Protein backbone atom coordinates (compact mmCIF):
# COMPACT_ATOMS: atom_id res chain seq x y z
CA UNK A 1 95.23 110.65 87.71
CA UNK A 2 95.13 109.60 84.33
CA UNK A 3 97.93 110.09 81.99
CA UNK A 4 97.16 110.54 78.30
CA UNK A 5 99.50 111.43 75.24
CA UNK A 6 98.47 114.93 73.61
CA UNK A 7 99.34 116.14 70.23
CA UNK A 8 98.84 119.61 71.55
CA UNK A 9 101.07 118.86 74.53
CA UNK A 10 103.88 117.29 72.44
CA UNK A 11 103.67 120.76 70.37
CA UNK A 12 103.97 122.81 72.84
CA UNK A 13 107.02 121.03 74.82
CA UNK A 14 108.79 120.92 71.21
CA UNK A 15 108.60 124.36 70.59
CA UNK A 16 109.88 125.12 74.22
CA UNK A 17 112.80 122.67 73.58
CA UNK A 18 113.31 124.41 70.03
CA UNK A 19 113.54 127.92 71.80
CA UNK A 20 115.67 126.70 74.81
CA UNK A 21 118.45 125.53 71.90
CA UNK A 22 118.08 129.21 69.90
CA UNK A 23 116.52 127.03 67.15
CA UNK A 24 113.77 128.59 65.20
CA UNK A 25 110.70 126.55 64.55
CA UNK A 26 110.86 127.21 60.56
CA UNK A 27 114.32 124.64 61.07
CA UNK A 28 111.69 122.02 61.37
CA UNK A 29 108.61 119.96 59.53
CA UNK A 30 106.99 119.08 62.77
CA UNK A 31 103.89 120.69 64.40
CA UNK A 32 104.73 123.60 66.45
CA UNK A 33 103.28 126.42 68.51
CA UNK A 34 100.62 124.46 70.64
CA UNK A 35 99.07 125.57 73.45
CA UNK A 36 97.52 122.41 75.51
CA UNK A 37 94.11 123.87 76.31
CA UNK A 38 91.95 120.99 77.25
CA UNK A 39 88.80 123.11 78.69
CA UNK A 40 86.39 122.32 75.72
CA UNK A 41 86.37 118.67 76.85
CA UNK A 42 85.01 119.58 80.38
CA UNK A 43 81.20 119.77 78.87
CA UNK A 44 82.09 117.19 76.42
CA UNK A 45 83.01 114.19 78.95
CA UNK A 46 81.30 115.66 82.11
CA UNK A 47 78.22 112.82 81.86
CA UNK A 48 80.60 109.93 80.36
CA UNK A 49 80.59 107.06 82.93
CA UNK A 50 84.22 107.23 83.04
CA UNK A 51 85.38 110.55 82.91
CA UNK A 52 82.14 112.41 84.74
CA UNK A 53 83.63 111.49 87.74
CA UNK A 54 87.13 112.21 87.33
CA UNK A 55 86.26 115.62 86.27
CA UNK A 56 83.96 116.14 89.43
CA UNK A 57 86.63 114.86 91.86
CA UNK A 58 89.28 117.11 90.64
CA UNK A 59 87.29 119.73 89.09
CA UNK A 60 88.08 119.62 85.54
CA UNK A 61 89.19 117.19 82.61
CA UNK A 62 93.21 119.15 82.72
CA UNK A 63 92.93 118.76 86.47
CA UNK A 64 92.31 114.58 86.24
CA UNK A 65 94.78 113.92 83.53
CA UNK A 66 98.49 114.61 83.19
CA UNK A 67 99.51 114.90 79.54
CA UNK A 68 102.85 113.22 79.01
CA UNK A 69 105.16 116.13 79.36
CA UNK A 70 103.39 116.73 82.96
CA UNK A 71 104.25 113.36 83.59
CA UNK A 72 108.16 113.76 82.47
CA UNK A 73 108.17 117.06 85.03
CA UNK A 74 106.45 114.61 88.20
CA UNK A 75 109.10 112.07 87.24
CA UNK A 76 112.26 114.56 87.37
CA UNK A 77 111.11 116.29 90.56
CA UNK A 78 110.42 112.84 92.19
CA UNK A 79 114.08 111.85 90.93
CA UNK A 80 115.36 114.64 92.64
CA UNK A 81 114.19 113.90 96.23
CA UNK A 82 114.75 110.70 95.94
């Protein structure tokens, strides 16, 4: 498992955080509205020395990685159960 920083995931998180606080996305100059979709990377990276085996093991690039937002959610769950 590899943790990545993703602009798409960051944008998706910000959009959701703004909505949860009843703030319209027009109130920020940040990039909003993104949806993290990494499916296009499966074919692009399947033959790479590093990613090929990880994609085969986990079924996809998305399965083999955690973007920063997913990582934060896992940390919160672990803290809750600890």
